C-alpha cells in the first residue's frame, strides 16, 4: 500500500503530532507499506528526500514553534504518478487542506487523525476575537474539516463523543497512538542523567514531560509542588520540554521559593526523554486539554505512576497506574505526596502503570490503521 501523510509538523520538531507520525510510519514500513511524508522544512538541515517532501515554511508570528507552510512544491507534479492508495492528514491547517485537495484531485480516500482539541489552543491566534474562537474551531478546524474526510481517527472515546456533538458525520474510529515498548526500554543509564542535572540518589523526583504552554497547566503544577515540598524532604520537580511559558514559570518558581528544586531541561531527544522518565519516581501531568497524552503513556510503560486531573483524554488513559484528581491544588498535591511517602502504594501503582503501557503497542495500533485503510479501498482486511 502507498500512503501519503500530510503534516504541518515533523522531526526535528518535538511534539506529540511529530512523534505520533514517526511512530506510525515506522510501523507501517515494518508491515511492508510505502510511506511518503509531506511536511515542513524547518531549517537548513531538513532537506527533501524520496521519503520526506519538505515544503518551505516560516515561524508563526505569535508562536514561533508553529510553522506557516507554503503548500507549493515542484514535487507535487509527481504526486499523481506515484498512485497513492491513501492520503492521511495530521492537521486541519495548511498541509491538511493541501492533502484534501490532492486526494480530491486524484480520487484517493482520505483519513484524518484528530490530534488536538483546538478550542483550547486558539489563544495562540490573538487576532481571532475570543467570542469567535469556538465557532472557528467548530466550522473550520473540527466539523467541516472532518466531514470532508472519508474516515477520522480519534485517540479516545471522549474525543469521539465531542466530535459527534460538533456534528461530525464521517466514520470515526478510536485509535490511540501506540508506543514502541522495545525502544522505550532501551534508555541510557538514569544514574548518569541524575548526575548531569545534580539530582542526588536520595532525591525524590516528580517529572512533567511536555510543552511549556498555557494549555499544559504547568503553573498549577508549580503551586502543587510548593505544597509537596513542604511535606516531602529532598523532592525535585523535573520539567522536560520548552515553550512560551518558560519565563513566567521561572518567575513563579522564584516567587514561591522553589526555584532551586525545579529543573528545566529544555527539549530533549526522544531517547533521552525515556531516560528522564527512568530517573524519576512519579509523573505529574496536570494538563486538562489532552486528546491522549502520548508522553504520559511512555512514562507509564516505564513503570512510573502518574497523577492527572480528571479531564478529557487523560482520564481514559489513566484507568490504572496512578490517580485522577479534581481540579484542585490541594487534592492534586495530596495524591503526589501519597505516592512519594507510601512505598507499598507506589509499588502497586508502578506495576499497574507497566500493565497499562503494554496495552498500547505501536505495532497493534498500526495494524488497526491499515485495516481501516483497506476497508476504504474496498478490499477485505
Protein backbone atom coordinates (compact mmCIF):
# COMPACT_ATOMS: atom_id res chain seq x y z
CA UNK A 1 0.00 0.00 0.00
CA UNK A 2 1.25 3.52 -0.80
CA UNK A 3 0.41 6.10 1.87
CA UNK A 4 0.89 9.88 1.68
CA UNK A 5 0.95 11.62 5.08
CA UNK A 6 0.37 15.39 5.17
CA UNK A 7 1.51 17.21 8.33
CA UNK A 8 2.31 20.74 9.49
CA UNK A 9 4.87 19.45 11.98
CA UNK A 10 7.56 16.80 11.79
CA UNK A 11 11.01 15.97 13.07
CA UNK A 12 13.27 17.62 14.10
CA UNK A 13 10.33 19.39 15.74
CA UNK A 14 9.47 17.68 19.02
CA UNK A 15 5.78 17.38 19.87
CA UNK A 16 3.06 14.78 20.08
CA UNK A 17 2.00 15.00 16.43
CA UNK A 18 5.57 14.64 15.15
CA UNK A 19 6.22 11.63 17.40
CA UNK A 20 2.87 10.05 16.52
CA UNK A 21 3.58 10.43 12.80
CA UNK A 22 7.06 8.95 13.16
CA UNK A 23 5.72 6.02 15.19
CA UNK A 24 3.02 5.07 12.68
CA UNK A 25 5.37 5.49 9.72
CA UNK A 26 7.93 3.18 11.31
CA UNK A 27 5.30 0.51 11.99
CA UNK A 28 3.72 0.84 8.53
CA UNK A 29 7.12 0.28 6.94
CA UNK A 30 7.71 -2.79 9.12
CA UNK A 31 4.47 -4.16 7.68
CA UNK A 32 5.80 -3.64 4.15
CA UNK A 33 3.95 -0.46 3.17
CA UNK A 34 5.48 2.54 1.37
CA UNK A 35 5.06 5.93 3.06
CA UNK A 36 5.85 9.46 1.89
CA UNK A 37 5.65 12.31 4.43
CA UNK A 38 4.78 15.80 3.16
CA UNK A 39 5.77 18.29 5.85
CA UNK A 40 7.68 21.46 6.71
CA UNK A 41 11.27 22.44 6.04
CA UNK A 42 12.20 23.93 9.42
CA UNK A 43 15.92 24.65 8.96
CA UNK A 44 18.81 24.17 6.55
CA UNK A 45 19.42 20.60 7.69
CA UNK A 46 15.91 19.39 6.83
CA UNK A 47 16.13 18.66 3.12
CA UNK A 48 13.71 16.71 0.96
CA UNK A 49 14.23 13.04 0.12
CA UNK A 50 12.28 10.29 -1.53
CA UNK A 51 10.54 9.55 1.79
CA UNK A 52 10.06 13.12 3.07
CA UNK A 53 8.95 16.03 0.89
CA UNK A 54 9.83 19.26 2.68
CA UNK A 55 7.84 22.45 2.00
CA UNK A 56 9.12 25.95 2.70
CA UNK A 57 7.86 27.33 5.99
CA UNK A 58 8.27 30.26 8.35
CA UNK A 59 7.62 30.69 12.08
CA UNK A 60 4.09 31.67 13.06
CA UNK A 61 4.39 35.33 14.22
CA UNK A 62 2.69 34.85 17.58
CA UNK A 63 4.15 31.41 18.30
CA UNK A 64 7.49 30.66 16.60
CA UNK A 65 7.33 26.95 17.47
CA UNK A 66 4.49 26.59 14.98
CA UNK A 67 5.09 26.98 11.25
CA UNK A 68 3.25 28.67 8.39
CA UNK A 69 3.83 26.40 5.40
CA UNK A 70 3.76 27.25 1.73
CA UNK A 71 1.74 24.47 0.07
CA UNK A 72 3.74 24.86 -3.15
CA UNK A 73 6.41 22.47 -4.38
CA UNK A 74 7.59 21.11 -7.71
CA UNK A 75 7.43 17.65 -6.16
CA UNK A 76 3.62 17.84 -6.28
CA UNK A 77 3.90 17.27 -10.04
CA UNK A 78 5.00 13.72 -9.18
CA UNK A 79 2.11 13.07 -6.80
CA UNK A 80 -0.31 11.61 -9.33
CA UNK A 81 2.33 9.42 -10.94
CA UNK A 82 3.08 7.69 -7.62
CA UNK A 83 -0.51 6.40 -7.45
CA UNK A 84 -1.01 6.64 -3.70
CA UNK A 85 -3.71 4.44 -2.18
CA UNK A 86 -4.40 6.56 0.92
CA UNK A 87 -3.97 10.19 1.94
CA UNK A 88 -3.60 10.51 5.72
CA UNK A 89 -3.85 14.05 7.13
CA UNK A 90 -2.44 15.01 10.53
CA UNK A 91 -3.54 18.67 10.57
CA UNK A 92 -6.53 20.86 9.65
CA UNK A 93 -4.25 23.76 8.65
CA UNK A 94 -2.12 24.43 5.54
CA UNK A 95 -0.90 20.93 4.76
CA UNK A 96 -4.25 19.47 5.74
CA UNK A 97 -6.06 21.49 3.08
CA UNK A 98 -3.37 20.59 0.56
CA UNK A 99 -3.88 16.93 1.44
CA UNK A 100 -7.62 17.19 0.94
CA UNK A 101 -7.13 18.92 -2.42
CA UNK A 102 -4.64 16.32 -3.68
CA UNK A 103 -6.92 13.50 -2.54
CA UNK A 104 -9.90 15.08 -4.31
CA UNK A 105 -7.90 15.73 -7.48
CA UNK A 106 -6.58 12.18 -7.70
CA UNK A 107 -9.65 10.44 -6.24
CA UNK A 108 -7.84 8.95 -3.22
CA UNK A 109 -9.57 8.02 0.07
CA UNK A 110 -8.74 10.45 2.89
CA UNK A 111 -8.15 9.69 6.56
CA UNK A 112 -7.66 12.40 9.21
CA UNK A 113 -6.26 11.99 12.72
CA UNK A 114 -7.85 14.47 15.12
CA UNK A 115 -4.83 15.08 17.34
CA UNK A 116 -5.75 18.33 19.06
CA UNK A 117 -8.78 19.74 20.80
CA UNK A 118 -8.38 23.07 19.01
CA UNK A 119 -10.81 25.06 21.14
CA UNK A 120 -8.17 25.02 23.91
CA UNK A 121 -5.37 26.27 21.64
CA UNK A 122 -6.87 29.20 19.77
CA UNK A 123 -5.49 31.67 22.32
CA UNK A 124 -2.29 31.37 20.25
CA UNK A 125 -4.13 33.24 17.49
CA UNK A 126 -4.69 36.65 19.18
CA UNK A 127 -6.15 38.23 16.04
CA UNK A 128 -9.17 35.97 16.44
CA UNK A 129 -11.67 37.54 18.88
CA UNK A 130 -12.47 35.31 21.85
CA UNK A 131 -16.17 35.26 21.02
CA UNK A 132 -15.42 33.73 17.61
CA UNK A 133 -12.88 31.08 18.65
CA UNK A 134 -15.35 28.28 19.36
CA UNK A 135 -17.22 29.00 16.12
CA UNK A 136 -13.99 28.92 14.11
CA UNK A 137 -12.97 25.67 15.79
CA UNK A 138 -16.37 24.15 15.03
CA UNK A 139 -16.65 25.27 11.42
CA UNK A 140 -13.05 25.28 10.18
CA UNK A 141 -10.90 23.02 12.34
CA UNK A 142 -13.26 20.30 13.51
CA UNK A 143 -16.69 19.77 12.00
CA UNK A 144 -16.28 20.86 8.39
CA UNK A 145 -12.72 19.61 8.00
CA UNK A 146 -13.53 16.19 9.42
CA UNK A 147 -16.67 15.89 7.31
CA UNK A 148 -14.59 16.35 4.15
CA UNK A 149 -12.63 13.20 5.06
CA UNK A 150 -13.65 9.61 4.43
CA UNK A 151 -12.63 8.47 7.91
CA UNK A 152 -11.41 10.10 11.12
CA UNK A 153 -9.18 8.60 13.81
CA UNK A 154 -9.59 9.91 17.37
CA UNK A 155 -7.41 8.97 20.35
CA UNK A 156 -10.15 8.37 22.93
CA UNK A 157 -13.87 7.67 23.33
CA UNK A 158 -14.39 11.12 24.85
CA UNK A 159 -12.98 12.92 21.81
CA UNK A 160 -15.20 10.75 19.62
CA UNK A 161 -18.21 11.88 21.64
CA UNK A 162 -17.11 15.51 21.37
CA UNK A 163 -16.84 15.35 17.57
CA UNK A 164 -20.26 13.74 17.33
CA UNK A 165 -21.62 16.64 19.41
CA UNK A 166 -19.94 19.01 16.95
CA UNK A 167 -21.85 17.37 14.10
CA UNK A 168 -19.10 15.27 12.55
CA UNK A 169 -20.77 12.61 10.42
CA UNK A 170 -17.70 10.95 8.86
CA UNK A 171 -17.00 7.48 10.29
CA UNK A 172 -14.95 7.69 13.49
CA UNK A 173 -12.54 5.10 14.89
CA UNK A 174 -10.88 5.30 18.30
CA UNK A 175 -7.20 4.71 17.55
CA UNK A 176 -4.61 5.96 20.05
CA UNK A 177 -1.01 6.46 19.00
CA UNK A 178 0.88 3.37 20.02
CA UNK A 179 4.21 3.28 21.79
CA UNK A 180 7.30 1.27 20.88
CA UNK A 181 7.81 -0.79 24.02
CA UNK A 182 11.16 -2.13 22.87
CA UNK A 183 12.53 1.32 22.07
CA UNK A 184 11.30 2.74 25.36
CA UNK A 185 13.13 0.04 27.29
CA UNK A 186 16.45 0.85 25.63
CA UNK A 187 17.11 4.10 27.50
CA UNK A 188 20.53 5.03 28.80
CA UNK A 189 21.66 4.95 32.45
CA UNK A 190 19.30 7.02 34.66
CA UNK A 191 22.12 7.46 37.21
CA UNK A 192 24.13 9.39 34.64
CA UNK A 193 21.07 11.53 33.89
CA UNK A 194 20.63 12.29 37.58
CA UNK A 195 24.29 13.20 37.92
CA UNK A 196 24.11 15.55 34.92
CA UNK A 197 21.24 17.50 36.49
CA UNK A 198 22.65 17.35 40.04
CA UNK A 199 19.91 15.09 41.37
CA UNK A 200 21.09 13.16 44.42
CA UNK A 201 20.40 9.46 44.95
CA UNK A 202 18.20 10.33 47.93
CA UNK A 203 16.11 12.89 45.99
CA UNK A 204 12.53 12.04 45.11
CA UNK A 205 11.71 13.26 41.61
CA UNK A 206 8.43 14.34 40.05
CA UNK A 207 8.51 14.65 36.27
CA UNK A 208 6.46 16.56 33.72
CA UNK A 209 7.13 15.99 30.01
CA UNK A 210 5.51 18.32 27.53
CA UNK A 211 5.36 21.74 26.01
CA UNK A 212 5.63 24.62 28.47
CA UNK A 213 2.50 26.30 27.16
CA UNK A 214 -0.53 27.81 28.83
CA UNK A 215 -2.71 24.86 27.85
CA UNK A 216 -0.48 22.37 29.74
CA UNK A 217 -1.38 23.86 33.14
CA UNK A 218 2.20 23.86 34.46
CA UNK A 219 1.57 26.93 36.64
CA UNK A 220 -0.91 24.77 38.54
CA UNK A 221 1.81 22.11 38.88
CA UNK A 222 4.29 24.57 40.38
CA UNK A 223 1.75 25.60 43.01
CA UNK A 224 1.05 21.96 43.82
CA UNK A 225 4.79 21.25 44.03
CA UNK A 226 5.13 24.13 46.50
CA UNK A 227 2.79 22.20 48.81
CA UNK A 228 4.54 18.88 48.16
CA UNK A 229 7.92 20.36 49.06
CA UNK A 230 6.69 21.38 52.48
CA UNK A 231 5.71 17.76 53.21
CA UNK A 232 8.32 15.64 51.39
CA UNK A 233 12.04 16.13 52.03
CA UNK A 234 14.56 16.18 49.18
CA UNK A 235 11.97 16.48 46.43
CA UNK A 236 12.72 17.81 42.93
CA UNK A 237 10.48 18.72 40.00
CA UNK A 238 11.84 17.89 36.55
CA UNK A 239 10.27 19.82 33.65
CA UNK A 240 11.25 18.23 30.33
CA UNK A 241 10.28 20.44 27.41
CA UNK A 242 10.19 24.09 26.44
CA UNK A 243 7.75 26.69 25.27
CA UNK A 244 6.41 30.23 25.60
CA UNK A 245 5.61 29.96 29.33
CA UNK A 246 9.15 29.07 30.42
CA UNK A 247 9.92 32.62 31.53
CA UNK A 248 6.73 33.04 33.55
CA UNK A 249 7.20 29.59 35.10
CA UNK A 250 10.71 30.55 36.19
CA UNK A 251 9.30 33.74 37.73
CA UNK A 252 6.57 31.84 39.58
CA UNK A 253 9.02 29.23 40.90
CA UNK A 254 11.25 32.07 42.15
CA UNK A 255 8.29 33.81 43.77
CA UNK A 256 7.25 30.58 45.52
CA UNK A 257 10.79 29.96 46.75
CA UNK A 258 11.11 26.59 44.97
CA UNK A 259 13.35 27.59 42.05
CA UNK A 260 16.33 25.63 43.42
CA UNK A 261 14.25 22.45 43.31
CA UNK A 262 12.83 22.94 39.80
CA UNK A 263 14.96 21.59 36.94
CA UNK A 264 14.13 22.73 33.40
CA UNK A 265 15.93 20.62 30.80
CA UNK A 266 14.50 22.20 27.67
CA UNK A 267 13.65 19.90 24.79
CA UNK A 268 15.43 16.55 24.84
CA UNK A 269 15.88 13.95 22.08
CA UNK A 270 13.15 11.33 22.29
CA UNK A 271 15.51 8.65 23.61
CA UNK A 272 16.66 10.99 26.39
CA UNK A 273 13.05 11.56 27.42
CA UNK A 274 12.83 7.85 28.23
CA UNK A 275 15.98 8.19 30.35
CA UNK A 276 14.46 11.16 32.15
CA UNK A 277 11.38 9.08 32.98
CA UNK A 278 13.59 6.24 34.21
CA UNK A 279 15.37 8.70 36.50
CA UNK A 280 12.12 9.92 38.07
CA UNK A 281 9.69 8.47 40.62
CA UNK A 282 6.25 9.88 39.76
CA UNK A 283 4.71 11.59 36.73
CA UNK A 284 2.97 14.89 37.46
CA UNK A 285 0.82 15.62 34.40
CA UNK A 286 -1.82 18.31 35.12
CA UNK A 287 -2.87 19.15 31.53
CA UNK A 288 -6.61 19.47 31.01
CA UNK A 289 -6.52 19.75 27.20
CA UNK A 290 -5.00 16.44 26.06
CA UNK A 291 -6.72 14.34 23.44
CA UNK A 292 -4.47 11.47 24.52
CA UNK A 293 -1.19 12.35 26.23
CA UNK A 294 1.41 10.32 24.34
CA UNK A 295 4.25 11.26 26.68
CA UNK A 296 2.13 10.12 29.62
CA UNK A 297 1.76 6.66 28.05
CA UNK A 298 5.51 6.40 27.54
CA UNK A 299 6.10 7.15 31.20
CA UNK A 300 3.53 4.61 32.31
CA UNK A 301 5.20 1.95 30.16
CA UNK A 302 8.42 2.62 32.09
CA UNK A 303 6.61 1.89 35.34
CA UNK A 304 6.14 5.45 36.52
CA UNK A 305 2.75 6.07 38.15
CA UNK A 306 1.02 9.34 37.34
CA UNK A 307 -1.18 11.93 38.96
CA UNK A 308 -3.50 13.65 36.46
CA UNK A 309 -6.55 15.87 36.52
CA UNK A 310 -9.72 14.03 35.59
CA UNK A 311 -10.28 15.77 32.24
CA UNK A 312 -10.57 14.96 28.51
CA UNK A 313 -8.47 12.15 27.02
CA UNK A 314 -6.20 11.64 30.02
CA UNK A 315 -8.97 10.16 32.12
CA UNK A 316 -9.39 7.41 29.53
CA UNK A 317 -5.66 6.67 29.55
CA UNK A 318 -5.10 6.61 33.31
CA UNK A 319 -7.67 3.94 34.14
CA UNK A 320 -4.94 2.36 36.25
CA UNK A 321 -1.36 3.17 37.13
CA UNK A 322 -1.94 6.32 39.16
CA UNK A 323 -4.55 8.74 40.41
CA UNK A 324 -7.08 11.06 38.77
CA UNK A 325 -7.93 14.11 40.86
CA UNK A 326 -10.28 17.04 40.93
CA UNK A 327 -9.07 20.35 39.51
CA UNK A 328 -7.79 21.30 42.94
CA UNK A 329 -4.23 22.10 44.00
CA UNK A 330 -4.85 20.59 47.43
CA UNK A 331 -6.27 17.36 46.03
CA UNK A 332 -3.53 17.10 43.42
CA UNK A 333 -0.68 17.67 45.87
CA UNK A 334 -2.20 15.18 48.34
CA UNK A 335 -2.04 12.42 45.74
CA UNK A 336 1.55 13.25 44.82
CA UNK A 337 2.53 13.11 48.49
CA UNK A 338 0.71 9.80 48.89
CA UNK A 339 2.77 8.18 46.15
CA UNK A 340 6.04 9.67 47.38
CA UNK A 341 5.56 8.66 51.01
CA UNK A 342 3.84 5.25 50.83
CA UNK A 343 6.20 2.66 49.28
CA UNK A 344 3.54 -0.05 49.14
CA UNK A 345 1.08 2.14 47.22
CA UNK A 346 3.88 3.32 44.94
CA UNK A 347 4.89 -0.27 44.14
CA UNK A 348 1.29 -1.25 43.36
CA UNK A 349 0.83 1.72 41.03
CA UNK A 350 4.18 1.06 39.34
CA UNK A 351 3.06 -2.42 38.34
CA UNK A 352 -0.31 -1.13 37.16
CA UNK A 353 1.47 1.52 35.07
CA UNK A 354 3.57 -1.10 33.29
CA UNK A 355 0.47 -3.17 32.57
CA UNK A 356 -1.39 -0.15 31.20
CA UNK A 357 1.51 0.82 28.95
CA UNK A 358 1.61 -2.66 27.41
CA UNK A 359 -1.97 -2.21 26.20
CA UNK A 360 -0.82 0.45 23.71
CA UNK A 361 1.57 -1.46 21.46
CA UNK A 362 2.56 0.57 18.39
CA UNK A 363 2.51 -2.49 16.14
CA UNK A 364 -1.07 -3.33 17.12
CA UNK A 365 -2.28 0.25 16.54
CA UNK A 366 -0.63 0.31 13.10
CA UNK A 367 -2.38 -2.93 12.11
CA UNK A 368 -5.72 -1.40 13.13
CA UNK A 369 -4.99 1.67 11.00
CA UNK A 370 -4.12 -0.48 7.99
CA UNK A 371 -7.39 -2.39 8.44
CA UNK A 372 -9.30 0.91 8.11
CA UNK A 373 -7.25 1.89 5.06
CA UNK A 374 -8.01 -1.47 3.48
CA UNK A 375 -11.75 -1.12 4.12
CA UNK A 376 -11.70 2.28 2.35
CA UNK A 377 -10.14 0.64 -0.69
CA UNK A 378 -13.00 -1.84 -0.85
CA UNK A 379 -10.97 -4.94 -0.12
CA UNK A 380 -11.29 -7.33 2.82
CA UNK A 381 -8.92 -6.50 5.71
